[in-house]
Amino acid sequence: MVGRPREFDFDQALDAAMQAFWAKGYEATSMTDLMAATGLHKGSLYQAFGDKHSLFLQALHRYLAEMRATERQVLRTAPTPLDGLRTGAHQVLDMADSDEECPRGCLAINCMVELAPHDDEVKRILGDHMQHMRSTIGETIGDAQTAGQVRKDRPPKLLTAMMMTFMAGLATTLKSGLDKDEAHRLLDAQMDAIF
């Protein structure tokens, strides 16, 4: 017997669920919120995505894939490797900013704080994502060193760790009130200091 065809756009519904989780966090997002965001009944949500946790994991994967696609685009189109690093880092800060234009912060950072300490699957997904980021940033720093844009007396792995640690701190501090312009100035100062 052939099942009923889906009467909704799967990707559109997943995007809507991602927005709902992003706006309120995992714990505070109810099935009612998800039904309102997607326009689907509870049964349709469960049939298409599984339970709330499964839907969240799919939404998180989607968000991280979009982040990586944006990162690749920025690095590929930047005039130089260092320009790509700067542009990408500033875009991350803009995404993490908690002002009226982007009140939700970065979903990945939010998940690190809310879920990763006690959700092994989220911790694994974010760990894989961070490893990907370390690899991409490290390669780009290596390219910038080869091009003479970045100091060569420190290995790319160390510079990557310094940059990612500082970025995570800035992104988190933005959520607790650090001025956006000040955050961008601090980022430029940090990059000038380590590179």
Protein backbone atom coordinates (compact mmCIF):
# COMPACT_ATOMS: atom_id res chain seq x y z
CA MET A 1 0.00 0.00 0.00
CA VAL A 2 1.35 3.39 -0.96
CA GLY A 3 1.30 6.03 1.80
CA ARG A 4 -0.33 9.41 1.37
CA PRO A 5 1.96 11.89 -0.33
CA ARG A 6 3.29 14.70 1.82
CA GLU A 7 1.17 17.80 1.59
CA PHE A 8 3.87 20.16 2.84
CA ASP A 9 7.38 21.22 1.92
CA PHE A 10 9.77 19.26 4.15
CA ASP A 11 12.62 21.78 3.87
CA GLN A 12 10.32 24.72 4.55
CA ALA A 13 8.92 22.99 7.63
CA LEU A 14 12.42 22.15 8.87
CA ASP A 15 13.50 25.76 8.39
CA ALA A 16 10.47 26.93 10.35
CA ALA A 17 11.26 24.51 13.17
CA MET A 18 14.89 25.67 13.17
CA GLN A 19 13.69 29.28 13.55
CA ALA A 20 11.44 28.30 16.45
CA PHE A 21 14.24 26.48 18.30
CA TRP A 22 16.63 29.32 17.53
CA ALA A 23 14.24 31.93 18.93
CA LYS A 24 13.47 30.21 22.25
CA GLY A 25 16.04 27.46 22.80
CA TYR A 26 15.37 23.73 22.92
CA GLU A 27 13.78 23.40 26.36
CA ALA A 28 11.51 26.44 26.04
CA THR A 29 10.20 25.44 22.60
CA SER A 30 7.03 23.41 22.99
CA MET A 31 5.30 21.15 20.50
CA THR A 32 2.64 23.86 20.31
CA ASP A 33 5.35 26.34 19.26
CA LEU A 34 6.60 23.92 16.63
CA MET A 35 3.09 23.29 15.32
CA ALA A 36 2.49 27.05 15.06
CA ALA A 37 5.84 27.66 13.34
CA THR A 38 5.50 24.86 10.78
CA GLY A 39 1.74 24.94 10.30
CA LEU A 40 1.69 21.16 10.86
CA HIS A 41 -0.39 19.09 13.25
CA LYS A 42 1.40 17.10 15.94
CA GLY A 43 0.87 13.81 14.09
CA SER A 44 2.35 15.21 10.87
CA LEU A 45 5.35 16.56 12.76
CA TYR A 46 6.02 13.20 14.42
CA GLN A 47 5.52 11.31 11.16
CA ALA A 48 7.87 13.57 9.20
CA PHE A 49 10.56 14.30 11.79
CA GLY A 50 10.15 11.95 14.75
CA ASP A 51 10.03 13.32 18.28
CA LYS A 52 11.02 16.83 19.40
CA HIS A 53 14.65 15.85 19.99
CA SER A 54 14.95 14.25 16.57
CA LEU A 55 13.44 17.34 14.94
CA PHE A 56 15.86 19.54 16.87
CA LEU A 57 18.86 17.49 15.72
CA GLN A 58 17.73 17.78 12.10
CA ALA A 59 17.30 21.54 12.53
CA LEU A 60 20.75 21.83 14.13
CA HIS A 61 22.35 19.88 11.27
CA ARG A 62 20.64 22.23 8.81
CA TYR A 63 21.88 25.33 10.65
CA LEU A 64 25.47 24.05 10.80
CA ALA A 65 25.41 23.07 7.10
CA GLU A 66 24.27 26.61 6.25
CA MET A 67 27.07 28.05 8.40
CA ARG A 68 29.67 25.93 6.60
CA ALA A 69 28.29 26.90 3.17
CA THR A 70 28.52 30.59 4.11
CA GLU A 71 32.04 30.07 5.42
CA ARG A 72 33.14 28.38 2.18
CA GLN A 73 31.60 31.19 0.12
CA VAL A 74 33.35 33.90 2.17
CA LEU A 75 36.74 32.20 1.98
CA ARG A 76 36.40 31.39 -1.71
CA THR A 77 35.45 34.93 -2.75
CA ALA A 78 37.76 36.94 -0.45
CA PRO A 79 40.66 38.74 -2.18
CA THR A 80 43.18 37.14 0.21
CA PRO A 81 43.15 34.40 2.88
CA LEU A 82 43.48 36.99 5.68
CA ASP A 83 40.60 39.03 4.23
CA GLY A 84 38.50 35.86 4.26
CA LEU A 85 39.35 35.18 7.92
CA ARG A 86 38.49 38.75 8.94
CA THR A 87 35.25 38.85 6.98
CA GLY A 88 34.15 35.46 8.28
CA ALA A 89 34.96 36.35 11.88
CA HIS A 90 33.05 39.62 11.68
CA GLN A 91 30.06 37.81 10.16
CA VAL A 92 30.08 35.35 13.07
CA LEU A 93 29.98 38.29 15.49
CA ASP A 94 27.10 39.85 13.59
CA MET A 95 25.22 36.54 13.82
CA ALA A 96 26.00 36.20 17.52
CA ASP A 97 24.93 39.75 18.32
CA SER A 98 21.90 40.02 20.53
CA ASP A 99 20.56 43.35 19.31
CA GLU A 100 17.13 43.85 17.75
CA GLU A 101 18.33 42.79 14.30
CA CYS A 102 19.55 39.42 15.57
CA PRO A 103 18.05 38.74 18.99
CA ARG A 104 18.73 35.02 19.02
CA GLY A 105 22.51 34.83 18.95
CA CYS A 106 24.32 31.97 17.23
CA LEU A 107 22.36 28.72 17.45
CA ALA A 108 25.59 26.69 17.75
CA ILE A 109 26.84 28.77 20.69
CA ASN A 110 23.38 28.67 22.27
CA CYS A 111 23.38 24.85 22.01
CA MET A 112 26.87 24.61 23.48
CA VAL A 113 25.61 26.38 26.57
CA GLU A 114 22.12 24.91 26.85
CA LEU A 115 22.45 21.31 25.65
CA ALA A 116 26.00 20.09 25.05
CA PRO A 117 26.85 19.64 28.76
CA HIS A 118 24.14 16.96 29.16
CA ASP A 119 23.15 15.85 25.63
CA ASP A 120 25.77 13.51 24.18
CA GLU A 121 24.38 13.63 20.65
CA VAL A 122 24.34 17.43 20.53
CA LYS A 123 27.84 17.44 22.04
CA ARG A 124 29.05 15.07 19.30
CA ILE A 125 27.43 17.08 16.50
CA LEU A 126 28.90 20.34 17.79
CA GLY A 127 32.28 18.66 18.33
CA ASP A 128 32.29 17.52 14.70
CA HIS A 129 31.32 21.02 13.60
CA MET A 130 34.07 22.63 15.69
CA GLN A 131 36.61 20.19 14.26
CA HIS A 132 35.52 21.18 10.77
CA MET A 133 35.87 24.85 11.69
CA ARG A 134 39.33 24.28 13.20
CA SER A 135 40.43 22.48 10.04
CA THR A 136 39.11 25.16 7.67
CA ILE A 137 40.47 28.06 9.70
CA GLY A 138 43.82 26.29 10.16
CA GLU A 139 44.15 25.71 6.40
CA THR A 140 43.28 29.34 5.70
CA ILE A 141 45.81 30.56 8.27
CA GLY A 142 48.41 28.32 6.61
CA ASP A 143 47.55 29.87 3.24
CA ALA A 144 47.85 33.35 4.78
CA GLN A 145 51.26 32.41 6.20
CA THR A 146 52.40 31.21 2.79
CA ALA A 147 51.18 34.51 1.30
CA GLY A 148 53.16 36.45 3.93
CA GLN A 149 50.04 37.91 5.56
CA VAL A 150 50.32 36.09 8.89
CA ARG A 151 53.33 35.57 11.14
CA LYS A 152 55.10 32.25 10.64
CA ASP A 153 56.61 31.81 14.11
CA ARG A 154 53.41 30.20 15.48
CA PRO A 155 51.83 27.07 14.01
CA PRO A 156 48.39 27.40 12.35
CA LYS A 157 46.92 25.03 14.96
CA LEU A 158 47.85 27.39 17.82
CA LEU A 159 46.64 30.50 15.97
CA THR A 160 43.38 28.71 15.15
CA ALA A 161 42.82 27.75 18.79
CA MET A 162 43.52 31.32 19.91
CA MET A 163 41.13 32.77 17.34
CA MET A 164 38.31 30.30 18.02
CA THR A 165 38.58 30.70 21.79
CA PHE A 166 38.46 34.47 21.50
CA MET A 167 35.53 34.30 19.06
CA ALA A 168 33.52 32.02 21.37
CA GLY A 169 34.15 34.40 24.26
CA LEU A 170 33.10 37.43 22.25
CA ALA A 171 29.97 35.70 20.94
CA THR A 172 28.96 34.72 24.46
CA THR A 173 29.74 38.17 25.89
CA LEU A 174 27.62 39.81 23.20
CA LYS A 175 24.60 37.95 24.55
CA SER A 176 25.18 39.53 27.95
CA GLY A 177 25.39 43.12 26.76
CA LEU A 178 28.77 43.86 25.17
CA ASP A 179 28.34 46.69 22.64
CA LYS A 180 28.40 45.40 19.05
CA ASP A 181 30.83 48.06 17.79
CA GLU A 182 33.15 47.40 20.72
CA ALA A 183 33.06 43.67 19.94
CA HIS A 184 34.14 44.35 16.37
CA ARG A 185 36.95 46.61 17.57
CA LEU A 186 38.11 43.93 20.02
CA LEU A 187 38.04 41.33 17.25
CA ASP A 188 40.23 43.46 14.97
CA ALA A 189 42.65 44.14 17.84
CA GLN A 190 42.86 40.43 18.67
CA MET A 191 43.46 39.43 15.06
CA ASP A 192 46.17 42.09 14.73
CA ALA A 193 47.78 40.80 17.94
CA ILE A 194 47.83 37.10 17.06
CA PHE A 195 48.48 37.37 13.31
